[in-house]
Amino acid sequence: MPTRRELLDADWMRLCEFSGAPLRPRRWTDNFSPRFASVYLVRAAHALNGTRLAPLAKVCSLVNFVVFGIEVPPRLAIGPGLVLPHTQGTVIGAGFIGSNVTIYQQVTLGAKLADFGYDVAKRPHVEDGVIITAGAKILGPVRLGAGCIVGANAVVLSDVPPKAVAVGVPARVTSAVTV
């Protein structure tokens, strides 16, 4: 498992690639960038969760919710290379998120019904390289296959195969990704 510093460095490099900025090592001041601070808080909350400082994990999550409008449980495991271009109105209650995932604004990942116990078996699993575009809703125990794209405002209620494009309400697979 990568350290928090390694995760943040991978997140920073992927954000630089995503935004077209020159690739350079992360400086401590980059943690305050509006495009990166929310990811920093997600990583801090996850690092604190399960330690004797677990209440601070909830504080980090609360700050993220109040300041950036994003809700992410501290116990959620997220691979390196996370990019959150815009955070307002985003709820990331997945069971697992892989590496190099991009999640846009107004996205919801979560159980179909209220799940305050956070049962990962009732939540979406997002594999590596997935792009979830604005307003998409991924609900229930579905799997988003590696490299798939979920279109804007799609409602995903069943698995999406790797390298597929899912659009519509309810979402249907329309094609394969050709990048």
C-alpha atoms as a PDB file:
ATOM      1  CA  MET A   1       0.000   0.000   0.000  1.00  0.00           C
ATOM      2  CA  PRO A   2       1.468   3.384  -0.974  1.00  0.00           C
ATOM      3  CA  THR A   3       2.120   5.972   1.712  1.00  0.00           C
ATOM      4  CA  ARG A   4      -0.015   9.103   1.919  1.00  0.00           C
ATOM      5  CA  ARG A   5       2.854  11.130   0.471  1.00  0.00           C
ATOM      6  CA  GLU A   6       3.184   8.739  -2.502  1.00  0.00           C
ATOM      7  CA  LEU A   7      -0.574   8.901  -3.096  1.00  0.00           C
ATOM      8  CA  LEU A   8      -0.561  12.702  -2.999  1.00  0.00           C
ATOM      9  CA  ASP A   9       2.446  12.903  -5.325  1.00  0.00           C
ATOM     10  CA  ALA A  10       0.686  10.581  -7.808  1.00  0.00           C
ATOM     11  CA  ASP A  11      -2.510  12.644  -7.504  1.00  0.00           C
ATOM     12  CA  TRP A  12      -0.538  15.848  -8.141  1.00  0.00           C
ATOM     13  CA  MET A  13       1.265  14.477 -11.206  1.00  0.00           C
ATOM     14  CA  ARG A  14      -2.006  13.220 -12.677  1.00  0.00           C
ATOM     15  CA  LEU A  15      -3.650  16.612 -12.055  1.00  0.00           C
ATOM     16  CA  CYS A  16      -0.751  18.301 -13.881  1.00  0.00           C
ATOM     17  CA  GLU A  17      -1.196  15.927 -16.842  1.00  0.00           C
ATOM     18  CA  PHE A  18      -4.984  16.402 -16.780  1.00  0.00           C
ATOM     19  CA  SER A  19      -4.788  20.203 -16.743  1.00  0.00           C
ATOM     20  CA  GLY A  20      -1.901  20.507 -19.192  1.00  0.00           C
ATOM     21  CA  ALA A  21       0.322  22.139 -16.574  1.00  0.00           C
ATOM     22  CA  PRO A  22       4.049  21.414 -16.666  1.00  0.00           C
ATOM     23  CA  LEU A  23       4.943  18.260 -14.760  1.00  0.00           C
ATOM     24  CA  ARG A  24       6.864  19.151 -11.622  1.00  0.00           C
ATOM     25  CA  PRO A  25       7.192  17.808  -8.095  1.00  0.00           C
ATOM     26  CA  ARG A  26       4.485  18.785  -5.620  1.00  0.00           C
ATOM     27  CA  ARG A  27       5.346  21.618  -3.246  1.00  0.00           C
ATOM     28  CA  TRP A  28       3.655  22.078   0.116  1.00  0.00           C
ATOM     29  CA  THR A  29       1.843  25.172  -1.189  1.00  0.00           C
ATOM     30  CA  ASP A  30       0.179  23.027  -3.894  1.00  0.00           C
ATOM     31  CA  ASN A  31      -1.919  21.425  -1.150  1.00  0.00           C
ATOM     32  CA  PHE A  32      -3.883  24.694  -1.037  1.00  0.00           C
ATOM     33  CA  SER A  33      -4.654  24.786  -4.758  1.00  0.00           C
ATOM     34  CA  PRO A  34      -8.433  24.847  -5.332  1.00  0.00           C
ATOM     35  CA  ARG A  35      -8.125  21.847  -7.664  1.00  0.00           C
ATOM     36  CA  PHE A  36      -6.018  19.847  -5.204  1.00  0.00           C
ATOM     37  CA  ALA A  37      -6.998  20.800  -1.649  1.00  0.00           C
ATOM     38  CA  SER A  38     -10.067  18.545  -1.643  1.00  0.00           C
ATOM     39  CA  VAL A  39      -7.939  15.550  -2.695  1.00  0.00           C
ATOM     40  CA  TYR A  40      -5.459  16.430   0.061  1.00  0.00           C
ATOM     41  CA  LEU A  41      -8.291  16.389   2.623  1.00  0.00           C
ATOM     42  CA  VAL A  42      -9.582  13.034   1.302  1.00  0.00           C
ATOM     43  CA  ARG A  43      -6.106  11.539   1.724  1.00  0.00           C
ATOM     44  CA  ALA A  44      -5.652  13.092   5.189  1.00  0.00           C
ATOM     45  CA  ALA A  45      -9.014  11.741   6.374  1.00  0.00           C
ATOM     46  CA  HIS A  46      -8.206   8.248   5.095  1.00  0.00           C
ATOM     47  CA  ALA A  47      -4.766   8.298   6.754  1.00  0.00           C
ATOM     48  CA  LEU A  48      -6.286   9.345  10.091  1.00  0.00           C
ATOM     49  CA  ASN A  49      -9.134   6.821   9.928  1.00  0.00           C
ATOM     50  CA  GLY A  50      -8.421   3.744  12.019  1.00  0.00           C
ATOM     51  CA  THR A  51      -5.814   5.485  14.160  1.00  0.00           C
ATOM     52  CA  ARG A  52      -6.268   6.891  17.634  1.00  0.00           C
ATOM     53  CA  LEU A  53      -6.769  10.249  15.864  1.00  0.00           C
ATOM     54  CA  ALA A  54      -9.873   8.968  14.010  1.00  0.00           C
ATOM     55  CA  PRO A  55     -12.033  11.900  15.173  1.00  0.00           C
ATOM     56  CA  LEU A  56      -9.729  14.185  13.150  1.00  0.00           C
ATOM     57  CA  ALA A  57     -10.593  12.107  10.071  1.00  0.00           C
ATOM     58  CA  LYS A  58     -14.199  13.181  10.501  1.00  0.00           C
ATOM     59  CA  VAL A  59     -13.063  16.799  10.876  1.00  0.00           C
ATOM     60  CA  CYS A  60     -11.152  16.584   7.563  1.00  0.00           C
ATOM     61  CA  SER A  61     -14.234  15.120   5.886  1.00  0.00           C
ATOM     62  CA  LEU A  62     -16.442  17.819   7.367  1.00  0.00           C
ATOM     63  CA  VAL A  63     -14.115  20.589   6.151  1.00  0.00           C
ATOM     64  CA  ASN A  64     -14.146  19.010   2.690  1.00  0.00           C
ATOM     65  CA  PHE A  65     -17.948  18.953   2.737  1.00  0.00           C
ATOM     66  CA  VAL A  66     -18.377  22.526   3.972  1.00  0.00           C
ATOM     67  CA  VAL A  67     -15.646  24.170   1.887  1.00  0.00           C
ATOM     68  CA  PHE A  68     -15.648  22.073  -1.299  1.00  0.00           C
ATOM     69  CA  GLY A  69     -19.113  20.503  -1.316  1.00  0.00           C
ATOM     70  CA  ILE A  70     -17.794  16.949  -1.578  1.00  0.00           C
ATOM     71  CA  GLU A  71     -18.692  14.063   0.693  1.00  0.00           C
ATOM     72  CA  VAL A  72     -16.207  11.184   0.993  1.00  0.00           C
ATOM     73  CA  PRO A  73     -16.166   8.719   3.894  1.00  0.00           C
ATOM     74  CA  PRO A  74     -12.756   8.504   5.598  1.00  0.00           C
ATOM     75  CA  ARG A  75     -12.675   4.695   5.319  1.00  0.00           C
ATOM     76  CA  LEU A  76     -12.958   4.646   1.503  1.00  0.00           C
ATOM     77  CA  ALA A  77      -9.834   3.177  -0.136  1.00  0.00           C
ATOM     78  CA  ILE A  78      -8.827   5.173  -3.229  1.00  0.00           C
ATOM     79  CA  GLY A  79      -5.892   4.294  -5.476  1.00  0.00           C
ATOM     80  CA  PRO A  80      -3.245   6.789  -6.628  1.00  0.00           C
ATOM     81  CA  GLY A  81      -3.919   9.339  -9.362  1.00  0.00           C
ATOM     82  CA  LEU A  82      -7.316  10.642  -8.205  1.00  0.00           C
ATOM     83  CA  VAL A  83      -8.492  13.775 -10.051  1.00  0.00           C
ATOM     84  CA  LEU A  84     -11.519  15.822  -8.940  1.00  0.00           C
ATOM     85  CA  PRO A  85     -11.688  18.735 -11.430  1.00  0.00           C
ATOM     86  CA  HIS A  86     -14.778  20.227  -9.748  1.00  0.00           C
ATOM     87  CA  THR A  87     -16.195  19.033  -6.440  1.00  0.00           C
ATOM     88  CA  GLN A  88     -19.489  20.805  -5.758  1.00  0.00           C
ATOM     89  CA  GLY A  89     -22.355  18.438  -5.021  1.00  0.00           C
ATOM     90  CA  THR A  90     -20.257  15.280  -5.280  1.00  0.00           C
ATOM     91  CA  VAL A  91     -20.915  12.230  -3.085  1.00  0.00           C
ATOM     92  CA  ILE A  92     -18.327   9.460  -3.276  1.00  0.00           C
ATOM     93  CA  GLY A  93     -19.679   6.577  -1.234  1.00  0.00           C
ATOM     94  CA  ALA A  94     -18.152   3.752  -3.259  1.00  0.00           C
ATOM     95  CA  GLY A  95     -16.843   0.482  -1.882  1.00  0.00           C
ATOM     96  CA  PHE A  96     -13.487   0.913  -3.625  1.00  0.00           C
ATOM     97  CA  ILE A  97     -11.923   3.268  -6.173  1.00  0.00           C
ATOM     98  CA  GLY A  98      -8.933   2.180  -8.251  1.00  0.00           C
ATOM     99  CA  SER A  99      -5.997   4.112  -9.698  1.00  0.00           C
ATOM    100  CA  ASN A 100      -6.128   7.056 -12.122  1.00  0.00           C
ATOM    101  CA  VAL A 101      -9.841   7.729 -11.719  1.00  0.00           C
ATOM    102  CA  THR A 102     -11.402  11.069 -12.700  1.00  0.00           C
ATOM    103  CA  ILE A 103     -14.666  12.134 -11.044  1.00  0.00           C
ATOM    104  CA  TYR A 104     -16.445  15.322 -12.107  1.00  0.00           C
ATOM    105  CA  GLN A 105     -18.962  17.477 -10.227  1.00  0.00           C
ATOM    106  CA  GLN A 106     -22.441  16.414  -9.113  1.00  0.00           C
ATOM    107  CA  VAL A 107     -21.512  12.710  -9.264  1.00  0.00           C
ATOM    108  CA  THR A 108     -23.038  10.286  -6.775  1.00  0.00           C
ATOM    109  CA  LEU A 109     -21.567   6.872  -6.007  1.00  0.00           C
ATOM    110  CA  GLY A 110     -23.436   4.972  -3.340  1.00  0.00           C
ATOM    111  CA  ALA A 111     -25.851   2.309  -2.187  1.00  0.00           C
ATOM    112  CA  LYS A 112     -29.373   2.178  -3.650  1.00  0.00           C
ATOM    113  CA  LEU A 113     -30.888   2.660  -0.189  1.00  0.00           C
ATOM    114  CA  ALA A 114     -29.620   4.401   2.941  1.00  0.00           C
ATOM    115  CA  ASP A 115     -26.618   2.462   4.243  1.00  0.00           C
ATOM    116  CA  PHE A 116     -25.328   4.156   7.362  1.00  0.00           C
ATOM    117  CA  GLY A 117     -23.303   1.042   8.275  1.00  0.00           C
ATOM    118  CA  TYR A 118     -21.244   1.484   5.085  1.00  0.00           C
ATOM    119  CA  ASP A 119     -21.496  -2.066   3.736  1.00  0.00           C
ATOM    120  CA  VAL A 120     -19.037  -2.187   0.803  1.00  0.00           C
ATOM    121  CA  ALA A 121     -20.991  -5.092  -0.714  1.00  0.00           C
ATOM    122  CA  LYS A 122     -23.886  -2.684  -1.365  1.00  0.00           C
ATOM    123  CA  ARG A 123     -21.737  -0.014  -3.025  1.00  0.00           C
ATOM    124  CA  PRO A 124     -20.126   0.537  -6.439  1.00  0.00           C
ATOM    125  CA  HIS A 125     -16.587  -0.632  -7.164  1.00  0.00           C
ATOM    126  CA  VAL A 126     -14.631   1.542  -9.570  1.00  0.00           C
ATOM    127  CA  GLU A 127     -11.682  -0.057 -11.353  1.00  0.00           C
ATOM    128  CA  ASP A 128      -8.567   1.683 -12.724  1.00  0.00           C
ATOM    129  CA  GLY A 129      -8.716   4.453 -15.339  1.00  0.00           C
ATOM    130  CA  VAL A 130     -12.449   5.164 -15.085  1.00  0.00           C
ATOM    131  CA  ILE A 131     -13.872   8.584 -16.006  1.00  0.00           C
ATOM    132  CA  ILE A 132     -17.180   9.546 -14.405  1.00  0.00           C
ATOM    133  CA  THR A 133     -18.532  12.716 -15.988  1.00  0.00           C
ATOM    134  CA  ALA A 134     -20.766  15.458 -14.585  1.00  0.00           C
ATOM    135  CA  GLY A 135     -24.001  14.496 -12.888  1.00  0.00           C
ATOM    136  CA  ALA A 136     -23.636  10.731 -13.220  1.00  0.00           C
ATOM    137  CA  LYS A 137     -25.238   8.523 -10.585  1.00  0.00           C
ATOM    138  CA  ILE A 138     -23.793   5.077  -9.899  1.00  0.00           C
ATOM    139  CA  LEU A 139     -25.991   3.198  -7.453  1.00  0.00           C
ATOM    140  CA  GLY A 140     -25.784  -0.197  -5.824  1.00  0.00           C
ATOM    141  CA  PRO A 141     -23.299  -3.067  -6.023  1.00  0.00           C
ATOM    142  CA  VAL A 142     -22.160  -2.404  -9.588  1.00  0.00           C
ATOM    143  CA  ARG A 143     -18.675  -2.631 -11.076  1.00  0.00           C
ATOM    144  CA  LEU A 144     -17.288   0.017 -13.408  1.00  0.00           C
ATOM    145  CA  GLY A 145     -14.736  -1.847 -15.530  1.00  0.00           C
ATOM    146  CA  ALA A 146     -11.215  -0.577 -16.128  1.00  0.00           C
ATOM    147  CA  GLY A 147     -11.027   2.310 -18.574  1.00  0.00           C
ATOM    148  CA  CYS A 148     -14.775   2.801 -18.958  1.00  0.00           C
ATOM    149  CA  ILE A 149     -16.485   6.179 -19.265  1.00  0.00           C
ATOM    150  CA  VAL A 150     -19.804   7.065 -17.651  1.00  0.00           C
ATOM    151  CA  GLY A 151     -21.530   9.853 -19.580  1.00  0.00           C
ATOM    152  CA  ALA A 152     -23.030  13.022 -18.145  1.00  0.00           C
ATOM    153  CA  ASN A 153     -26.188  12.481 -16.087  1.00  0.00           C
ATOM    154  CA  ALA A 154     -26.175   8.717 -16.710  1.00  0.00           C
ATOM    155  CA  VAL A 155     -27.795   6.549 -14.048  1.00  0.00           C
ATOM    156  CA  VAL A 156     -25.802   3.322 -13.744  1.00  0.00           C
ATOM    157  CA  LEU A 157     -27.660   0.438 -12.098  1.00  0.00           C
ATOM    158  CA  SER A 158     -25.739  -2.508 -13.617  1.00  0.00           C
ATOM    159  CA  ASP A 159     -22.119  -3.363 -14.372  1.00  0.00           C
ATOM    160  CA  VAL A 160     -20.247  -1.476 -17.092  1.00  0.00           C
ATOM    161  CA  PRO A 161     -17.654  -3.595 -18.939  1.00  0.00           C
ATOM    162  CA  PRO A 162     -14.031  -2.481 -19.267  1.00  0.00           C
ATOM    163  CA  LYS A 163     -13.392   0.172 -21.945  1.00  0.00           C
ATOM    164  CA  ALA A 164     -17.113   0.742 -22.491  1.00  0.00           C
ATOM    165  CA  VAL A 165     -19.112   3.977 -22.660  1.00  0.00           C
ATOM    166  CA  ALA A 166     -22.340   4.084 -20.612  1.00  0.00           C
ATOM    167  CA  VAL A 167     -24.956   6.786 -21.220  1.00  0.00           C
ATOM    168  CA  GLY A 168     -28.629   7.411 -20.525  1.00  0.00           C
ATOM    169  CA  VAL A 169     -31.239   6.833 -17.863  1.00  0.00           C
ATOM    170  CA  PRO A 170     -30.970   4.012 -17.045  1.00  0.00           C
ATOM    171  CA  ALA A 171     -27.469   3.769 -18.467  1.00  0.00           C
ATOM    172  CA  ARG A 172     -26.791   1.466 -21.380  1.00  0.00           C
ATOM    173  CA  VAL A 173     -23.488   0.572 -22.988  1.00  0.00           C
ATOM    174  CA  THR A 174     -23.207   2.294 -26.365  1.00  0.00           C
ATOM    175  CA  SER A 175     -19.681   1.570 -27.536  1.00  0.00           C
ATOM    176  CA  ALA A 176     -16.129   0.813 -26.588  1.00  0.00           C
ATOM    177  CA  VAL A 177     -13.599   3.510 -25.713  1.00  0.00           C
ATOM    178  CA  THR A 178     -11.181   4.122 -28.567  1.00  0.00           C
ATOM    179  CA  VAL A 179      -8.382   6.232 -27.134  1.00  0.00           C
END
